[in-house]
C-alpha atoms as a PDB file:
ATOM      1  CA  MET A   1      -0.012  -0.005  -0.002  1.00  0.00           C
ATOM      2  CA  ARG A   2       1.248   3.502  -0.844  1.00  0.00           C
ATOM      3  CA  ARG A   3       2.530   5.589   2.075  1.00  0.00           C
ATOM      4  CA  VAL A   4       1.131   9.023   2.872  1.00  0.00           C
ATOM      5  CA  THR A   5       3.969  11.367   3.741  1.00  0.00           C
ATOM      6  CA  TYR A   6       4.145  14.920   5.113  1.00  0.00           C
ATOM      7  CA  SER A   7       7.417  16.655   4.225  1.00  0.00           C
ATOM      8  CA  MET A   8       8.023  20.388   4.547  1.00  0.00           C
ATOM      9  CA  ASN A   9      10.667  22.817   5.607  1.00  0.00           C
ATOM     10  CA  VAL A  10      10.316  23.802   9.258  1.00  0.00           C
ATOM     11  CA  SER A  11      12.140  26.220  11.512  1.00  0.00           C
ATOM     12  CA  LEU A  12      13.725  24.924  14.723  1.00  0.00           C
ATOM     13  CA  ASP A  13      10.833  26.497  16.634  1.00  0.00           C
ATOM     14  CA  GLY A  14       8.317  24.543  14.589  1.00  0.00           C
ATOM     15  CA  TYR A  15       6.991  26.840  11.858  1.00  0.00           C
ATOM     16  CA  ILE A  16       6.709  26.358   8.073  1.00  0.00           C
ATOM     17  CA  ALA A  17       6.179  30.092   7.503  1.00  0.00           C
ATOM     18  CA  ASP A  18       7.146  33.071   9.630  1.00  0.00           C
ATOM     19  CA  PRO A  19       4.579  35.509  11.158  1.00  0.00           C
ATOM     20  CA  ASP A  20       4.402  37.427   7.848  1.00  0.00           C
ATOM     21  CA  GLY A  21       3.988  34.258   5.776  1.00  0.00           C
ATOM     22  CA  GLY A  22       7.621  34.403   4.637  1.00  0.00           C
ATOM     23  CA  ILE A  23       9.588  31.285   3.804  1.00  0.00           C
ATOM     24  CA  ASP A  24      12.823  32.862   2.528  1.00  0.00           C
ATOM     25  CA  TRP A  25      14.633  31.484   5.603  1.00  0.00           C
ATOM     26  CA  SER A  26      14.176  27.986   4.118  1.00  0.00           C
ATOM     27  CA  ASP A  27      15.793  28.556   0.738  1.00  0.00           C
ATOM     28  CA  PRO A  28      17.760  25.344   0.144  1.00  0.00           C
ATOM     29  CA  ASP A  29      21.420  25.190  -0.698  1.00  0.00           C
ATOM     30  CA  GLU A  30      22.572  22.852  -3.488  1.00  0.00           C
ATOM     31  CA  GLU A  31      22.827  19.759  -1.241  1.00  0.00           C
ATOM     32  CA  VAL A  32      19.379  20.188   0.298  1.00  0.00           C
ATOM     33  CA  PHE A  33      17.870  20.995  -3.120  1.00  0.00           C
ATOM     34  CA  ARG A  34      19.281  17.657  -4.440  1.00  0.00           C
ATOM     35  CA  HIS A  35      17.610  15.929  -1.512  1.00  0.00           C
ATOM     36  CA  PHE A  36      14.236  17.470  -2.454  1.00  0.00           C
ATOM     37  CA  THR A  37      14.711  16.355  -6.060  1.00  0.00           C
ATOM     38  CA  ASP A  38      15.450  12.803  -4.939  1.00  0.00           C
ATOM     39  CA  GLU A  39      12.386  12.835  -2.672  1.00  0.00           C
ATOM     40  CA  LEU A  40      10.224  14.118  -5.569  1.00  0.00           C
ATOM     41  CA  ARG A  41      11.382  11.147  -7.682  1.00  0.00           C
ATOM     42  CA  GLN A  42       9.869   8.811  -5.038  1.00  0.00           C
ATOM     43  CA  THR A  43       6.514  10.629  -5.094  1.00  0.00           C
ATOM     44  CA  GLY A  44       3.604   9.196  -7.108  1.00  0.00           C
ATOM     45  CA  VAL A  45       1.089  11.978  -6.444  1.00  0.00           C
ATOM     46  CA  HIS A  46       1.130  15.214  -4.458  1.00  0.00           C
ATOM     47  CA  LEU A  47      -1.834  16.564  -2.515  1.00  0.00           C
ATOM     48  CA  LEU A  48      -1.797  20.302  -1.971  1.00  0.00           C
ATOM     49  CA  GLY A  49      -3.782  22.906  -0.187  1.00  0.00           C
ATOM     50  CA  ARG A  50      -4.741  26.079  -2.054  1.00  0.00           C
ATOM     51  CA  ARG A  51      -1.946  28.291  -0.700  1.00  0.00           C
ATOM     52  CA  LEU A  52       0.813  25.770  -1.514  1.00  0.00           C
ATOM     53  CA  TYR A  53      -0.757  25.120  -4.919  1.00  0.00           C
ATOM     54  CA  GLU A  54      -0.630  28.854  -5.718  1.00  0.00           C
ATOM     55  CA  THR A  55       2.990  29.040  -4.543  1.00  0.00           C
ATOM     56  CA  MET A  56       3.980  26.039  -6.665  1.00  0.00           C
ATOM     57  CA  LEU A  57       2.314  27.321  -9.874  1.00  0.00           C
ATOM     58  CA  TYR A  58       5.644  28.976 -10.681  1.00  0.00           C
ATOM     59  CA  TRP A  59       7.141  25.587 -11.425  1.00  0.00           C
ATOM     60  CA  GLU A  60       4.551  24.894 -14.173  1.00  0.00           C
ATOM     61  CA  THR A  61       6.311  27.433 -16.428  1.00  0.00           C
ATOM     62  CA  ALA A  62       9.738  27.554 -14.787  1.00  0.00           C
ATOM     63  CA  GLU A  63      11.488  26.312 -17.887  1.00  0.00           C
ATOM     64  CA  GLN A  64      10.888  29.804 -19.359  1.00  0.00           C
ATOM     65  CA  ASP A  65      13.013  31.379 -16.575  1.00  0.00           C
ATOM     66  CA  GLU A  66      16.469  31.768 -18.116  1.00  0.00           C
ATOM     67  CA  SER A  67      18.105  32.216 -14.739  1.00  0.00           C
ATOM     68  CA  LEU A  68      17.431  28.621 -13.624  1.00  0.00           C
ATOM     69  CA  ASP A  69      20.282  26.165 -13.494  1.00  0.00           C
ATOM     70  CA  ALA A  70      20.168  22.527 -14.637  1.00  0.00           C
ATOM     71  CA  ALA A  71      19.181  21.211 -11.187  1.00  0.00           C
ATOM     72  CA  GLU A  72      16.226  23.616 -10.984  1.00  0.00           C
ATOM     73  CA  LEU A  73      15.108  22.760 -14.510  1.00  0.00           C
ATOM     74  CA  GLU A  74      15.248  19.078 -13.632  1.00  0.00           C
ATOM     75  CA  TRP A  75      13.121  19.703 -10.522  1.00  0.00           C
ATOM     76  CA  ALA A  76      10.635  21.708 -12.600  1.00  0.00           C
ATOM     77  CA  ALA A  77      10.269  18.873 -15.141  1.00  0.00           C
ATOM     78  CA  LEU A  78       9.698  16.323 -12.390  1.00  0.00           C
ATOM     79  CA  TRP A  79       7.146  18.580 -10.667  1.00  0.00           C
ATOM     80  CA  LYS A  80       5.298  19.291 -13.902  1.00  0.00           C
ATOM     81  CA  ALA A  81       4.975  15.592 -14.751  1.00  0.00           C
ATOM     82  CA  LEU A  82       3.811  14.652 -11.253  1.00  0.00           C
ATOM     83  CA  PRO A  83       0.060  14.129 -10.710  1.00  0.00           C
ATOM     84  CA  LYS A  84      -1.242  16.762  -8.295  1.00  0.00           C
ATOM     85  CA  VAL A  85      -4.580  17.052  -6.440  1.00  0.00           C
ATOM     86  CA  VAL A  86      -5.598  20.432  -5.054  1.00  0.00           C
ATOM     87  CA  PHE A  87      -7.933  20.830  -2.087  1.00  0.00           C
ATOM     88  CA  SER A  88      -9.718  24.189  -1.904  1.00  0.00           C
ATOM     89  CA  ARG A  89     -12.994  25.594  -0.733  1.00  0.00           C
ATOM     90  CA  THR A  90     -12.580  28.672  -2.944  1.00  0.00           C
ATOM     91  CA  LEU A  91     -11.108  27.561  -6.265  1.00  0.00           C
ATOM     92  CA  THR A  92     -13.414  26.234  -9.000  1.00  0.00           C
ATOM     93  CA  THR A  93     -10.638  25.466 -11.508  1.00  0.00           C
ATOM     94  CA  VAL A  94      -6.900  24.797 -11.361  1.00  0.00           C
ATOM     95  CA  ARG A  95      -4.086  25.220 -13.873  1.00  0.00           C
ATOM     96  CA  GLY A  96      -1.087  23.076 -14.446  1.00  0.00           C
ATOM     97  CA  THR A  97      -0.057  19.858 -16.100  1.00  0.00           C
ATOM     98  CA  ASN A  98      -1.456  16.775 -14.359  1.00  0.00           C
ATOM     99  CA  THR A  99      -3.314  18.960 -11.842  1.00  0.00           C
ATOM    100  CA  ARG A 100      -6.918  18.518 -10.768  1.00  0.00           C
ATOM    101  CA  LEU A 101      -9.252  19.711  -8.031  1.00  0.00           C
ATOM    102  CA  ALA A 102     -10.109  17.110  -5.457  1.00  0.00           C
ATOM    103  CA  SER A 103     -13.534  15.552  -6.129  1.00  0.00           C
ATOM    104  CA  GLY A 104     -13.980  14.092  -2.658  1.00  0.00           C
ATOM    105  CA  THR A 105     -12.875  14.596   0.908  1.00  0.00           C
ATOM    106  CA  LEU A 106      -9.225  14.179   1.806  1.00  0.00           C
ATOM    107  CA  ALA A 107      -9.885  10.747   3.308  1.00  0.00           C
ATOM    108  CA  GLU A 108     -11.827   9.653   0.196  1.00  0.00           C
ATOM    109  CA  GLU A 109      -9.053  10.863  -2.149  1.00  0.00           C
ATOM    110  CA  ILE A 110      -6.355   9.098  -0.140  1.00  0.00           C
ATOM    111  CA  GLU A 111      -8.421   5.873  -0.037  1.00  0.00           C
ATOM    112  CA  ARG A 112      -8.917   6.071  -3.812  1.00  0.00           C
ATOM    113  CA  LEU A 113      -5.238   6.769  -4.474  1.00  0.00           C
ATOM    114  CA  ARG A 114      -4.091   3.960  -2.207  1.00  0.00           C
ATOM    115  CA  ALA A 115      -6.371   1.537  -4.081  1.00  0.00           C
ATOM    116  CA  GLU A 116      -5.123   2.596  -7.517  1.00  0.00           C
ATOM    117  CA  PRO A 117      -2.143   0.791  -9.013  1.00  0.00           C
ATOM    118  CA  GLY A 118       0.915   2.955  -8.996  1.00  0.00           C
ATOM    119  CA  ASP A 119       4.259   3.505  -7.441  1.00  0.00           C
ATOM    120  CA  GLY A 120       5.503   6.297  -5.234  1.00  0.00           C
ATOM    121  CA  ASP A 121       4.348   7.936  -2.098  1.00  0.00           C
ATOM    122  CA  ILE A 122       1.223  10.061  -1.652  1.00  0.00           C
ATOM    123  CA  ALA A 123       2.810  13.322  -0.510  1.00  0.00           C
ATOM    124  CA  ILE A 124       0.872  15.975   1.405  1.00  0.00           C
ATOM    125  CA  GLY A 125       1.971  19.592   1.294  1.00  0.00           C
ATOM    126  CA  GLY A 126       0.559  22.453   3.290  1.00  0.00           C
ATOM    127  CA  ALA A 127       0.005  22.705   7.024  1.00  0.00           C
ATOM    128  CA  THR A 128      -3.785  22.951   6.907  1.00  0.00           C
ATOM    129  CA  LEU A 129      -4.189  19.908   4.670  1.00  0.00           C
ATOM    130  CA  ALA A 130      -1.613  17.941   6.674  1.00  0.00           C
ATOM    131  CA  ALA A 131      -3.433  18.842   9.906  1.00  0.00           C
ATOM    132  CA  GLU A 132      -6.652  17.367   8.518  1.00  0.00           C
ATOM    133  CA  ALA A 133      -4.819  14.204   7.420  1.00  0.00           C
ATOM    134  CA  ALA A 134      -3.093  13.904  10.811  1.00  0.00           C
ATOM    135  CA  ALA A 135      -6.357  14.358  12.714  1.00  0.00           C
ATOM    136  CA  SER A 136      -7.813  11.453  10.746  1.00  0.00           C
ATOM    137  CA  GLY A 137      -4.766   9.280  11.245  1.00  0.00           C
ATOM    138  CA  LEU A 138      -3.930   9.242   7.540  1.00  0.00           C
ATOM    139  CA  ILE A 139      -0.252  10.145   7.647  1.00  0.00           C
ATOM    140  CA  ASP A 140       2.221   7.256   7.609  1.00  0.00           C
ATOM    141  CA  GLU A 141       5.477   9.242   7.750  1.00  0.00           C
ATOM    142  CA  TYR A 142       6.465  12.688   8.942  1.00  0.00           C
ATOM    143  CA  ARG A 143       9.545  14.113   7.168  1.00  0.00           C
ATOM    144  CA  PRO A 144      10.352  17.558   8.578  1.00  0.00           C
ATOM    145  CA  VAL A 145      13.378  19.309   7.099  1.00  0.00           C
ATOM    146  CA  VAL A 146      14.510  21.359  10.086  1.00  0.00           C
ATOM    147  CA  HIS A 147      16.356  24.596   9.409  1.00  0.00           C
ATOM    148  CA  PRO A 148      18.666  26.152  12.046  1.00  0.00           C
ATOM    149  CA  VAL A 149      16.606  29.296  12.489  1.00  0.00           C
ATOM    150  CA  LEU A 150      13.984  30.549  14.966  1.00  0.00           C
ATOM    151  CA  VAL A 151      11.243  32.577  13.257  1.00  0.00           C
ATOM    152  CA  GLY A 152       9.245  33.433  16.399  1.00  0.00           C
ATOM    153  CA  GLY A 153       5.786  32.376  15.241  1.00  0.00           C
ATOM    154  CA  GLY A 154       3.772  31.858  12.125  1.00  0.00           C
ATOM    155  CA  THR A 155       2.212  28.751  10.563  1.00  0.00           C
ATOM    156  CA  PRO A 156       3.051  25.632  12.649  1.00  0.00           C
ATOM    157  CA  TYR A 157       4.229  22.403  11.071  1.00  0.00           C
ATOM    158  CA  PHE A 158       2.294  20.376  13.621  1.00  0.00           C
ATOM    159  CA  THR A 159      -1.264  20.966  14.714  1.00  0.00           C
ATOM    160  CA  ARG A 160      -2.184  21.340  18.358  1.00  0.00           C
ATOM    161  CA  ASP A 161      -4.939  18.749  18.405  1.00  0.00           C
ATOM    162  CA  GLU A 162      -3.713  17.166  21.659  1.00  0.00           C
ATOM    163  CA  ARG A 163      -3.687  13.707  20.128  1.00  0.00           C
ATOM    164  CA  ARG A 164      -0.719  11.482  20.914  1.00  0.00           C
ATOM    165  CA  VAL A 165       0.909   9.710  17.981  1.00  0.00           C
ATOM    166  CA  LYS A 166       3.734   7.240  18.561  1.00  0.00           C
ATOM    167  CA  LEU A 167       6.563   7.599  16.039  1.00  0.00           C
ATOM    168  CA  GLU A 168       9.606   5.538  15.154  1.00  0.00           C
ATOM    169  CA  LEU A 169      12.735   7.250  13.849  1.00  0.00           C
ATOM    170  CA  VAL A 170      13.565   5.782  10.448  1.00  0.00           C
ATOM    171  CA  GLU A 171      16.254   8.196   9.298  1.00  0.00           C
ATOM    172  CA  ALA A 172      18.100  11.347  10.334  1.00  0.00           C
ATOM    173  CA  ARG A 173      20.416  13.201   7.992  1.00  0.00           C
ATOM    174  CA  THR A 174      22.393  16.336   8.716  1.00  0.00           C
ATOM    175  CA  PHE A 175      23.427  18.487   5.755  1.00  0.00           C
ATOM    176  CA  ALA A 176      26.606  20.605   5.695  1.00  0.00           C
ATOM    177  CA  SER A 177      24.431  23.740   6.110  1.00  0.00           C
ATOM    178  CA  GLY A 178      23.136  22.511   9.480  1.00  0.00           C
ATOM    179  CA  VAL A 179      19.718  21.584   8.040  1.00  0.00           C
ATOM    180  CA  VAL A 180      18.511  18.275   9.475  1.00  0.00           C
ATOM    181  CA  ARG A 181      16.114  15.983   7.668  1.00  0.00           C
ATOM    182  CA  LEU A 182      14.137  13.636   9.937  1.00  0.00           C
ATOM    183  CA  ARG A 183      11.971  10.747   8.866  1.00  0.00           C
ATOM    184  CA  HIS A 184       9.569   9.269  11.408  1.00  0.00           C
ATOM    185  CA  ARG A 185       7.144   6.451  10.709  1.00  0.00           C
ATOM    186  CA  VAL A 186       3.843   6.320  12.539  1.00  0.00           C
ATOM    187  CA  THR A 187       3.628   3.151  14.598  1.00  0.00           C
ATOM    188  CA  ARG A 188       0.171   1.620  14.587  1.00  0.00           C
END
């Protein structure tokens, strides 16, 4: 069965965006960027909330940006080819190659995707969407990429739903920049 994963950049104090919504503190260096490219290769479908979808629209036409290097163009091509499902209460249409609006609830979409033949993880992006998946016990692995910075507030990586979830450390990797990638599997 396909795993549901939640992987995002997070500050050491637990936020994916600072109080102003900024994420510039999480710009990856070359080594971390390669990691994200490798992780994207293992993804079969990506579920996104509206805000993350709108942020990621850039990558649908990134090949037109002459300032991008070969690694960024490779990432853009992988992202563009990847099936994406957008969850939104406000959007009626979405743009992008292999991108569609969710037709059911998050739980229904995940159940459908797990039942379909296919390889690769079901990745969730966006704190609000991940919080809904976590509250329903749908996440199999948490993969925070922890940056050595305190942003003092903002959008938290983890929800405060006061539900205990037992995790098993599967992998920890420290990059030269001090960024630490953790991978924890939910034990059921």
